[in-house]
PDB file of N, CA and C in Angstrom:
ATOM      1  N   MET A   1      91.780  63.375   0.167  1.00  0.00           N
ATOM      2  CA  MET A   1      91.957  63.414   1.600  1.00  0.00           C
ATOM      3  C   MET A   1      90.724  64.042   2.246  1.00  0.00           C
ATOM      4  N   THR A   2      90.355  63.475   3.339  1.00  0.00           N
ATOM      5  CA  THR A   2      89.235  64.046   4.075  1.00  0.00           C
ATOM      6  C   THR A   2      89.768  64.701   5.337  1.00  0.00           C
ATOM      7  N   HIS A   3      89.195  65.817   5.648  1.00  0.00           N
ATOM      8  CA  HIS A   3      89.584  66.525   6.867  1.00  0.00           C
ATOM      9  C   HIS A   3      88.527  66.276   7.932  1.00  0.00           C
ATOM     10  N   SER A   4      88.982  65.979   9.107  1.00  0.00           N
ATOM     11  CA  SER A   4      88.038  65.767  10.208  1.00  0.00           C
ATOM     12  C   SER A   4      88.025  67.003  11.107  1.00  0.00           C
ATOM     13  N   THR A   5      87.844  68.139  10.485  1.00  0.00           N
ATOM     14  CA  THR A   5      87.774  69.366  11.263  1.00  0.00           C
ATOM     15  C   THR A   5      86.351  69.552  11.774  1.00  0.00           C
ATOM     16  N   GLN A   6      86.267  70.034  12.976  1.00  0.00           N
ATOM     17  CA  GLN A   6      84.954  70.283  13.553  1.00  0.00           C
ATOM     18  C   GLN A   6      84.576  71.731  13.306  1.00  0.00           C
ATOM     19  N   GLU A   7      83.397  71.899  12.772  1.00  0.00           N
ATOM     20  CA  GLU A   7      82.895  73.236  12.549  1.00  0.00           C
ATOM     21  C   GLU A   7      82.243  73.747  13.828  1.00  0.00           C
ATOM     22  N   ALA A   8      82.426  75.019  14.078  1.00  0.00           N
ATOM     23  CA  ALA A   8      81.782  75.628  15.239  1.00  0.00           C
ATOM     24  C   ALA A   8      80.273  75.664  14.999  1.00  0.00           C
ATOM     25  N   PRO A   9      79.503  75.397  16.035  1.00  0.00           N
ATOM     26  CA  PRO A   9      78.049  75.445  15.856  1.00  0.00           C
ATOM     27  C   PRO A   9      77.614  76.847  15.414  1.00  0.00           C
ATOM     28  N   LYS A  10      76.687  76.864  14.506  1.00  0.00           N
ATOM     29  CA  LYS A  10      76.182  78.145  14.012  1.00  0.00           C
ATOM     30  C   LYS A  10      75.219  78.728  15.033  1.00  0.00           C
ATOM     31  N   PRO A  11      75.232  80.036  15.206  1.00  0.00           N
ATOM     32  CA  PRO A  11      74.279  80.640  16.147  1.00  0.00           C
ATOM     33  C   PRO A  11      72.841  80.491  15.657  1.00  0.00           C
ATOM     34  N   VAL A  12      71.941  80.440  16.599  1.00  0.00           N
ATOM     35  CA  VAL A  12      70.520  80.356  16.285  1.00  0.00           C
ATOM     36  C   VAL A  12      69.976  81.784  16.274  1.00  0.00           C
ATOM     37  N   ARG A  13      69.330  82.147  15.209  1.00  0.00           N
ATOM     38  CA  ARG A  13      68.752  83.482  15.102  1.00  0.00           C
ATOM     39  C   ARG A  13      67.240  83.341  15.117  1.00  0.00           C
ATOM     40  N   LEU A  14      66.606  84.031  16.041  1.00  0.00           N
ATOM     41  CA  LEU A  14      65.165  83.959  16.178  1.00  0.00           C
ATOM     42  C   LEU A  14      64.548  85.336  15.937  1.00  0.00           C
ATOM     43  N   VAL A  15      63.551  85.350  15.132  1.00  0.00           N
ATOM     44  CA  VAL A  15      62.741  86.549  14.948  1.00  0.00           C
ATOM     45  C   VAL A  15      61.301  86.094  15.125  1.00  0.00           C
ATOM     46  N   PHE A  16      60.653  86.617  16.154  1.00  0.00           N
ATOM     47  CA  PHE A  16      59.280  86.192  16.394  1.00  0.00           C
ATOM     48  C   PHE A  16      58.454  87.356  16.908  1.00  0.00           C
ATOM     49  N   GLU A  17      57.176  87.178  16.814  1.00  0.00           N
ATOM     50  CA  GLU A  17      56.234  88.183  17.294  1.00  0.00           C
ATOM     51  C   GLU A  17      55.466  87.580  18.450  1.00  0.00           C
ATOM     52  N   LEU A  18      55.369  88.314  19.529  1.00  0.00           N
ATOM     53  CA  LEU A  18      54.664  87.839  20.706  1.00  0.00           C
ATOM     54  C   LEU A  18      53.557  88.828  21.041  1.00  0.00           C
ATOM     55  N   ALA A  19      52.333  88.373  20.984  1.00  0.00           N
ATOM     56  CA  ALA A  19      51.193  89.197  21.369  1.00  0.00           C
ATOM     57  C   ALA A  19      50.873  88.930  22.831  1.00  0.00           C
ATOM     58  N   ARG A  20      50.324  89.906  23.509  1.00  0.00           N
ATOM     59  CA  ARG A  20      49.986  89.732  24.917  1.00  0.00           C
ATOM     60  C   ARG A  20      48.983  88.596  25.108  1.00  0.00           C
ATOM     61  N   ALA A  21      48.111  88.403  24.149  1.00  0.00           N
ATOM     62  CA  ALA A  21      47.117  87.327  24.237  1.00  0.00           C
ATOM     63  C   ALA A  21      47.774  85.946  24.209  1.00  0.00           C
ATOM     64  N   ASP A  22      48.936  85.827  23.582  1.00  0.00           N
ATOM     65  CA  ASP A  22      49.634  84.541  23.510  1.00  0.00           C
ATOM     66  C   ASP A  22      50.164  84.109  24.875  1.00  0.00           C
ATOM     67  N   ASN A  23      50.808  85.044  25.576  1.00  0.00           N
ATOM     68  CA  ASN A  23      51.408  84.734  26.871  1.00  0.00           C
ATOM     69  C   ASN A  23      51.526  86.032  27.667  1.00  0.00           C
ATOM     70  N   PRO A  24      50.493  86.390  28.421  1.00  0.00           N
ATOM     71  CA  PRO A  24      50.479  87.686  29.107  1.00  0.00           C
ATOM     72  C   PRO A  24      51.653  87.919  30.058  1.00  0.00           C
ATOM     73  N   ARG A  25      52.024  86.906  30.831  1.00  0.00           N
ATOM     74  CA  ARG A  25      53.135  87.083  31.779  1.00  0.00           C
ATOM     75  C   ARG A  25      54.447  87.364  31.069  1.00  0.00           C
ATOM     76  N   LEU A  26      54.750  86.587  30.038  1.00  0.00           N
ATOM     77  CA  LEU A  26      55.984  86.781  29.294  1.00  0.00           C
ATOM     78  C   LEU A  26      55.978  88.133  28.588  1.00  0.00           C
ATOM     79  N   TYR A  27      54.854  88.479  27.992  1.00  0.00           N
ATOM     80  CA  TYR A  27      54.738  89.761  27.297  1.00  0.00           C
ATOM     81  C   TYR A  27      54.985  90.922  28.267  1.00  0.00           C
ATOM     82  N   ASP A  28      54.314  90.888  29.432  1.00  0.00           N
ATOM     83  CA  ASP A  28      54.469  91.961  30.411  1.00  0.00           C
ATOM     84  C   ASP A  28      55.897  92.072  30.911  1.00  0.00           C
ATOM     85  N   GLU A  29      56.567  90.939  31.069  1.00  0.00           N
ATOM     86  CA  GLU A  29      57.959  90.949  31.525  1.00  0.00           C
ATOM     87  C   GLU A  29      58.876  91.560  30.471  1.00  0.00           C
ATOM     88  N   LEU A  30      58.697  91.153  29.226  1.00  0.00           N
ATOM     89  CA  LEU A  30      59.590  91.633  28.161  1.00  0.00           C
ATOM     90  C   LEU A  30      59.338  93.087  27.789  1.00  0.00           C
ATOM     91  N   VAL A  31      58.096  93.540  27.869  1.00  0.00           N
ATOM     92  CA  VAL A  31      57.774  94.910  27.469  1.00  0.00           C
ATOM     93  C   VAL A  31      58.341  95.927  28.467  1.00  0.00           C
ATOM     94  N   ARG A  32      58.723  95.481  29.644  1.00  0.00           N
ATOM     95  CA  ARG A  32      59.357  96.371  30.629  1.00  0.00           C
ATOM     96  C   ARG A  32      60.687  96.910  30.144  1.00  0.00           C
ATOM     97  N   PHE A  33      61.335  96.182  29.251  1.00  0.00           N
ATOM     98  CA  PHE A  33      62.663  96.545  28.769  1.00  0.00           C
ATOM     99  C   PHE A  33      62.566  97.225  27.413  1.00  0.00           C
ATOM    100  N   PRO A  34      63.450  98.186  27.161  1.00  0.00           N
ATOM    101  CA  PRO A  34      63.428  98.834  25.849  1.00  0.00           C
ATOM    102  C   PRO A  34      63.790  97.836  24.749  1.00  0.00           C
ATOM    103  N   GLN A  35      63.280  98.088  23.577  1.00  0.00           N
ATOM    104  CA  GLN A  35      63.555  97.197  22.453  1.00  0.00           C
ATOM    105  C   GLN A  35      65.060  97.167  22.207  1.00  0.00           C
ATOM    106  N   GLY A  36      65.604  95.992  22.032  1.00  0.00           N
ATOM    107  CA  GLY A  36      67.030  95.867  21.758  1.00  0.00           C
ATOM    108  C   GLY A  36      67.707  94.859  22.656  1.00  0.00           C
ATOM    109  N   ALA A  37      68.970  95.140  22.978  1.00  0.00           N
ATOM    110  CA  ALA A  37      69.822  94.182  23.685  1.00  0.00           C
ATOM    111  C   ALA A  37      69.290  93.820  25.069  1.00  0.00           C
ATOM    112  N   LYS A  38      68.763  94.783  25.806  1.00  0.00           N
ATOM    113  CA  LYS A  38      68.270  94.478  27.153  1.00  0.00           C
ATOM    114  C   LYS A  38      67.094  93.505  27.113  1.00  0.00           C
ATOM    115  N   ARG A  39      66.206  93.700  26.180  1.00  0.00           N
ATOM    116  CA  ARG A  39      65.046  92.812  26.045  1.00  0.00           C
ATOM    117  C   ARG A  39      65.495  91.418  25.610  1.00  0.00           C
ATOM    118  N   VAL A  40      66.413  91.354  24.682  1.00  0.00           N
ATOM    119  CA  VAL A  40      66.923  90.065  24.200  1.00  0.00           C
ATOM    120  C   VAL A  40      67.632  89.324  25.331  1.00  0.00           C
ATOM    121  N   ASN A  41      68.426  90.037  26.111  1.00  0.00           N
ATOM    122  CA  ASN A  41      69.126  89.397  27.224  1.00  0.00           C
ATOM    123  C   ASN A  41      68.156  88.887  28.283  1.00  0.00           C
ATOM    124  N   ARG A  42      67.087  89.622  28.530  1.00  0.00           N
ATOM    125  CA  ARG A  42      66.077  89.160  29.490  1.00  0.00           C
ATOM    126  C   ARG A  42      65.420  87.881  28.991  1.00  0.00           C
ATOM    127  N   LEU A  43      65.119  87.832  27.710  1.00  0.00           N
ATOM    128  CA  LEU A  43      64.533  86.627  27.129  1.00  0.00           C
ATOM    129  C   LEU A  43      65.499  85.449  27.241  1.00  0.00           C
ATOM    130  N   ARG A  44      66.777  85.685  27.027  1.00  0.00           N
ATOM    131  CA  ARG A  44      67.783  84.618  27.181  1.00  0.00           C
ATOM    132  C   ARG A  44      67.800  84.082  28.599  1.00  0.00           C
ATOM    133  N   VAL A  45      67.785  84.986  29.581  1.00  0.00           N
ATOM    134  CA  VAL A  45      67.810  84.568  30.980  1.00  0.00           C
ATOM    135  C   VAL A  45      66.568  83.753  31.321  1.00  0.00           C
ATOM    136  N   LEU A  46      65.413  84.234  30.892  1.00  0.00           N
ATOM    137  CA  LEU A  46      64.167  83.506  31.173  1.00  0.00           C
ATOM    138  C   LEU A  46      64.176  82.125  30.518  1.00  0.00           C
ATOM    139  N   ALA A  47      64.668  82.046  29.299  1.00  0.00           N
ATOM    140  CA  ALA A  47      64.713  80.762  28.597  1.00  0.00           C
ATOM    141  C   ALA A  47      65.681  79.804  29.287  1.00  0.00           C
ATOM    142  N   TYR A  48      66.843  80.298  29.693  1.00  0.00           N
ATOM    143  CA  TYR A  48      67.829  79.438  30.330  1.00  0.00           C
ATOM    144  C   TYR A  48      67.349  78.971  31.702  1.00  0.00           C
ATOM    145  N   ASP A  49      66.762  79.877  32.481  1.00  0.00           N
ATOM    146  CA  ASP A  49      66.211  79.487  33.778  1.00  0.00           C
ATOM    147  C   ASP A  49      65.099  78.455  33.625  1.00  0.00           C
ATOM    148  N   GLY A  50      64.272  78.630  32.608  1.00  0.00           N
ATOM    149  CA  GLY A  50      63.221  77.652  32.348  1.00  0.00           C
ATOM    150  C   GLY A  50      63.780  76.287  31.986  1.00  0.00           C
ATOM    151  N   LEU A  51      64.860  76.290  31.229  1.00  0.00           N
ATOM    152  CA  LEU A  51      65.509  75.035  30.855  1.00  0.00           C
ATOM    153  C   LEU A  51      66.100  74.342  32.082  1.00  0.00           C
ATOM    154  N   LEU A  52      66.744  75.106  32.950  1.00  0.00           N
ATOM    155  CA  LEU A  52      67.302  74.527  34.172  1.00  0.00           C
ATOM    156  C   LEU A  52      66.198  73.969  35.064  1.00  0.00           C
ATOM    157  N   ALA A  53      65.103  74.690  35.168  1.00  0.00           N
ATOM    158  CA  ALA A  53      63.982  74.205  35.981  1.00  0.00           C
ATOM    159  C   ALA A  53      63.381  72.934  35.384  1.00  0.00           C
ATOM    160  N   GLN A  54      63.299  72.884  34.063  1.00  0.00           N
ATOM    161  CA  GLN A  54      62.737  71.709  33.396  1.00  0.00           C
ATOM    162  C   GLN A  54      63.577  70.467  33.673  1.00  0.00           C
ATOM    163  N   TYR A  55      64.893  70.628  33.743  1.00  0.00           N
ATOM    164  CA  TYR A  55      65.767  69.486  33.983  1.00  0.00           C
ATOM    165  C   TYR A  55      66.005  69.228  35.464  1.00  0.00           C
ATOM    166  N   GLY A  56      65.316  69.969  36.327  1.00  0.00           N
ATOM    167  CA  GLY A  56      65.401  69.702  37.756  1.00  0.00           C
ATOM    168  C   GLY A  56      66.632  70.250  38.431  1.00  0.00           C
ATOM    169  N   VAL A  57      67.354  71.164  37.788  1.00  0.00           N
ATOM    170  CA  VAL A  57      68.540  71.741  38.412  1.00  0.00           C
ATOM    171  C   VAL A  57      68.141  72.600  39.596  1.00  0.00           C
ATOM    172  N   PHE A  58      67.057  73.325  39.468  1.00  0.00           N
ATOM    173  CA  PHE A  58      66.487  74.056  40.592  1.00  0.00           C
ATOM    174  C   PHE A  58      64.981  74.097  40.427  1.00  0.00           C
ATOM    175  N   SER A  59      64.303  74.364  41.526  1.00  0.00           N
ATOM    176  CA  SER A  59      62.847  74.405  41.511  1.00  0.00           C
ATOM    177  C   SER A  59      62.377  75.843  41.504  1.00  0.00           C
ATOM    178  N   LEU A  60      61.286  76.082  40.802  1.00  0.00           N
ATOM    179  CA  LEU A  60      60.665  77.395  40.815  1.00  0.00           C
ATOM    180  C   LEU A  60      59.661  77.421  41.936  1.00  0.00           C
ATOM    181  N   GLY A  61      59.436  78.567  42.509  1.00  0.00           N
ATOM    182  CA  GLY A  61      58.450  78.626  43.553  1.00  0.00           C
ATOM    183  C   GLY A  61      58.002  80.041  43.834  1.00  0.00           C
ATOM    184  N   SER A  62      56.819  80.142  44.349  1.00  0.00           N
ATOM    185  CA  SER A  62      56.322  81.426  44.816  1.00  0.00           C
ATOM    186  C   SER A  62      55.446  81.150  46.014  1.00  0.00           C
ATOM    187  N   ALA A  63      55.532  81.989  46.998  1.00  0.00           N
ATOM    188  CA  ALA A  63      54.761  81.838  48.229  1.00  0.00           C
ATOM    189  C   ALA A  63      55.041  80.487  48.899  1.00  0.00           C
ATOM    190  N   GLY A  64      56.304  80.025  48.789  1.00  0.00           N
ATOM    191  CA  GLY A  64      56.689  78.796  49.457  1.00  0.00           C
ATOM    192  C   GLY A  64      56.308  77.519  48.736  1.00  0.00           C
ATOM    193  N   LEU A  65      55.698  77.614  47.570  1.00  0.00           N
ATOM    194  CA  LEU A  65      55.321  76.422  46.816  1.00  0.00           C
ATOM    195  C   LEU A  65      56.360  76.166  45.744  1.00  0.00           C
ATOM    196  N   ALA A  66      56.866  74.959  45.650  1.00  0.00           N
ATOM    197  CA  ALA A  66      57.873  74.622  44.654  1.00  0.00           C
ATOM    198  C   ALA A  66      57.301  73.601  43.679  1.00  0.00           C
ATOM    199  N   MET A  67      57.667  73.744  42.420  1.00  0.00           N
ATOM    200  CA  MET A  67      57.240  72.791  41.401  1.00  0.00           C
ATOM    201  C   MET A  67      58.161  71.590  41.433  1.00  0.00           C
ATOM    202  N   ALA A  68      57.618  70.414  41.202  1.00  0.00           N
ATOM    203  CA  ALA A  68      58.422  69.198  41.171  1.00  0.00           C
ATOM    204  C   ALA A  68      59.224  69.156  39.880  1.00  0.00           C
ATOM    205  N   PRO A  69      60.465  68.613  39.924  1.00  0.00           N
ATOM    206  CA  PRO A  69      61.255  68.494  38.706  1.00  0.00           C
ATOM    207  C   PRO A  69      60.553  67.602  37.688  1.00  0.00           C
ATOM    208  N   VAL A  70      60.831  67.814  36.425  1.00  0.00           N
ATOM    209  CA  VAL A  70      60.182  67.083  35.351  1.00  0.00           C
ATOM    210  C   VAL A  70      60.793  65.699  35.195  1.00  0.00           C
ATOM    211  N   ARG A  71      62.082  65.598  35.301  1.00  0.00           N
ATOM    212  CA  ARG A  71      62.768  64.326  35.074  1.00  0.00           C
ATOM    213  C   ARG A  71      62.604  63.386  36.254  1.00  0.00           C
ATOM    214  N   GLY A  72      62.370  62.118  35.989  1.00  0.00           N
ATOM    215  CA  GLY A  72      62.147  61.118  37.019  1.00  0.00           C
ATOM    216  C   GLY A  72      63.345  60.891  37.906  1.00  0.00           C
ATOM    217  N   GLU A  73      64.537  60.849  37.324  1.00  0.00           N
ATOM    218  CA  GLU A  73      65.745  60.598  38.100  1.00  0.00           C
ATOM    219  C   GLU A  73      65.999  61.730  39.083  1.00  0.00           C
ATOM    220  N   ALA A  74      65.821  62.970  38.633  1.00  0.00           N
ATOM    221  CA  ALA A  74      66.005  64.125  39.511  1.00  0.00           C
ATOM    222  C   ALA A  74      64.989  64.100  40.637  1.00  0.00           C
ATOM    223  N   ALA A  75      63.777  63.697  40.345  1.00  0.00           N
ATOM    224  CA  ALA A  75      62.732  63.634  41.361  1.00  0.00           C
ATOM    225  C   ALA A  75      63.086  62.573  42.407  1.00  0.00           C
ATOM    226  N   THR A  76      63.634  61.452  41.981  1.00  0.00           N
ATOM    227  CA  THR A  76      64.018  60.387  42.904  1.00  0.00           C
ATOM    228  C   THR A  76      65.128  60.846  43.833  1.00  0.00           C
ATOM    229  N   GLN A  77      66.123  61.557  43.272  1.00  0.00           N
ATOM    230  CA  GLN A  77      67.226  62.069  44.084  1.00  0.00           C
ATOM    231  C   GLN A  77      66.723  63.100  45.086  1.00  0.00           C
ATOM    232  N   ALA A  78      65.831  63.971  44.653  1.00  0.00           N
ATOM    233  CA  ALA A  78      65.280  64.989  45.540  1.00  0.00           C
ATOM    234  C   ALA A  78      64.483  64.342  46.668  1.00  0.00           C
ATOM    235  N   ALA A  79      63.739  63.297  46.359  1.00  0.00           N
ATOM    236  CA  ALA A  79      62.950  62.605  47.374  1.00  0.00           C
ATOM    237  C   ALA A  79      63.861  61.945  48.396  1.00  0.00           C
ATOM    238  N   ALA A  80      64.987  61.387  47.949  1.00  0.00           N
ATOM    239  CA  ALA A  80      65.921  60.747  48.875  1.00  0.00           C
ATOM    240  C   ALA A  80      66.497  61.760  49.855  1.00  0.00           C
ATOM    241  N   VAL A  81      66.835  62.934  49.360  1.00  0.00           N
ATOM    242  CA  VAL A  81      67.370  63.983  50.222  1.00  0.00           C
ATOM    243  C   VAL A  81      66.310  64.429  51.225  1.00  0.00           C
ATOM    244  N   THR A  82      65.105  64.630  50.744  1.00  0.00           N
ATOM    245  CA  THR A  82      64.019  65.063  51.625  1.00  0.00           C
ATOM    246  C   THR A  82      63.715  64.012  52.675  1.00  0.00           C
ATOM    247  N   ASN A  83      63.691  62.760  52.286  1.00  0.00           N
ATOM    248  CA  ASN A  83      63.402  61.690  53.238  1.00  0.00           C
ATOM    249  C   ASN A  83      64.485  61.602  54.311  1.00  0.00           C
ATOM    250  N   ASP A  84      65.730  61.856  53.948  1.00  0.00           N
ATOM    251  CA  ASP A  84      66.818  61.823  54.924  1.00  0.00           C
ATOM    252  C   ASP A  84      66.706  62.938  55.950  1.00  0.00           C
ATOM    253  N   VAL A  85      66.101  64.034  55.601  1.00  0.00           N
ATOM    254  CA  VAL A  85      65.926  65.134  56.527  1.00  0.00           C
ATOM    255  C   VAL A  85      65.100  64.705  57.730  1.00  0.00           C
ATOM    256  N   PHE A  86      64.112  63.830  57.492  1.00  0.00           N
ATOM    257  CA  PHE A  86      63.231  63.400  58.555  1.00  0.00           C
ATOM    258  C   PHE A  86      63.686  62.063  59.174  1.00  0.00           C
ATOM    259  N   GLY A  87      64.855  61.596  58.802  1.00  0.00           N
ATOM    260  CA  GLY A  87      65.362  60.341  59.335  1.00  0.00           C
ATOM    261  C   GLY A  87      65.976  60.511  60.721  1.00  0.00           C
ATOM    262  N   HIS A  88      66.648  59.470  61.179  1.00  0.00           N
ATOM    263  CA  HIS A  88      67.285  59.504  62.497  1.00  0.00           C
ATOM    264  C   HIS A  88      68.460  60.450  62.467  1.00  0.00           C
ATOM    265  N   SER A  89      68.724  61.067  63.621  1.00  0.00           N
ATOM    266  CA  SER A  89      69.857  61.995  63.702  1.00  0.00           C
ATOM    267  C   SER A  89      71.150  61.193  63.830  1.00  0.00           C
ATOM    268  N   LEU A  90      72.269  61.853  63.607  1.00  0.00           N
ATOM    269  CA  LEU A  90      73.567  61.193  63.669  1.00  0.00           C
ATOM    270  C   LEU A  90      73.932  60.804  65.099  1.00  0.00           C
ATOM    271  N   SER A  91      73.395  61.484  66.091  1.00  0.00           N
ATOM    272  CA  SER A  91      73.736  61.212  67.484  1.00  0.00           C
ATOM    273  C   SER A  91      72.982  60.021  68.046  1.00  0.00           C
ATOM    274  N   GLU A  92      72.004  59.503  67.347  1.00  0.00           N
ATOM    275  CA  GLU A  92      71.225  58.368  67.879  1.00  0.00           C
ATOM    276  C   GLU A  92      71.888  57.070  67.600  1.00  0.00           C
TER     277      GLU A  92
END
């Protein structure tokens, strides 16, 4: 007999070394937190936010500049919304 039980996904365990020369911004952000859970949680948040930005869920920006979404479909939807902003008003 075969069982069609689904196994729970195994957690991903990462152990890595990050030098400031590799990525100064990321290094400076992570070194602000004490070694341990707070630093790991900050890295999780940064990774998840980066993933959402990559898929066009939200745009990153500083000083009023926003990056365009990576995915073509998301970019098309965003352009349609933006174009409608400058269209005719409902009262016309």
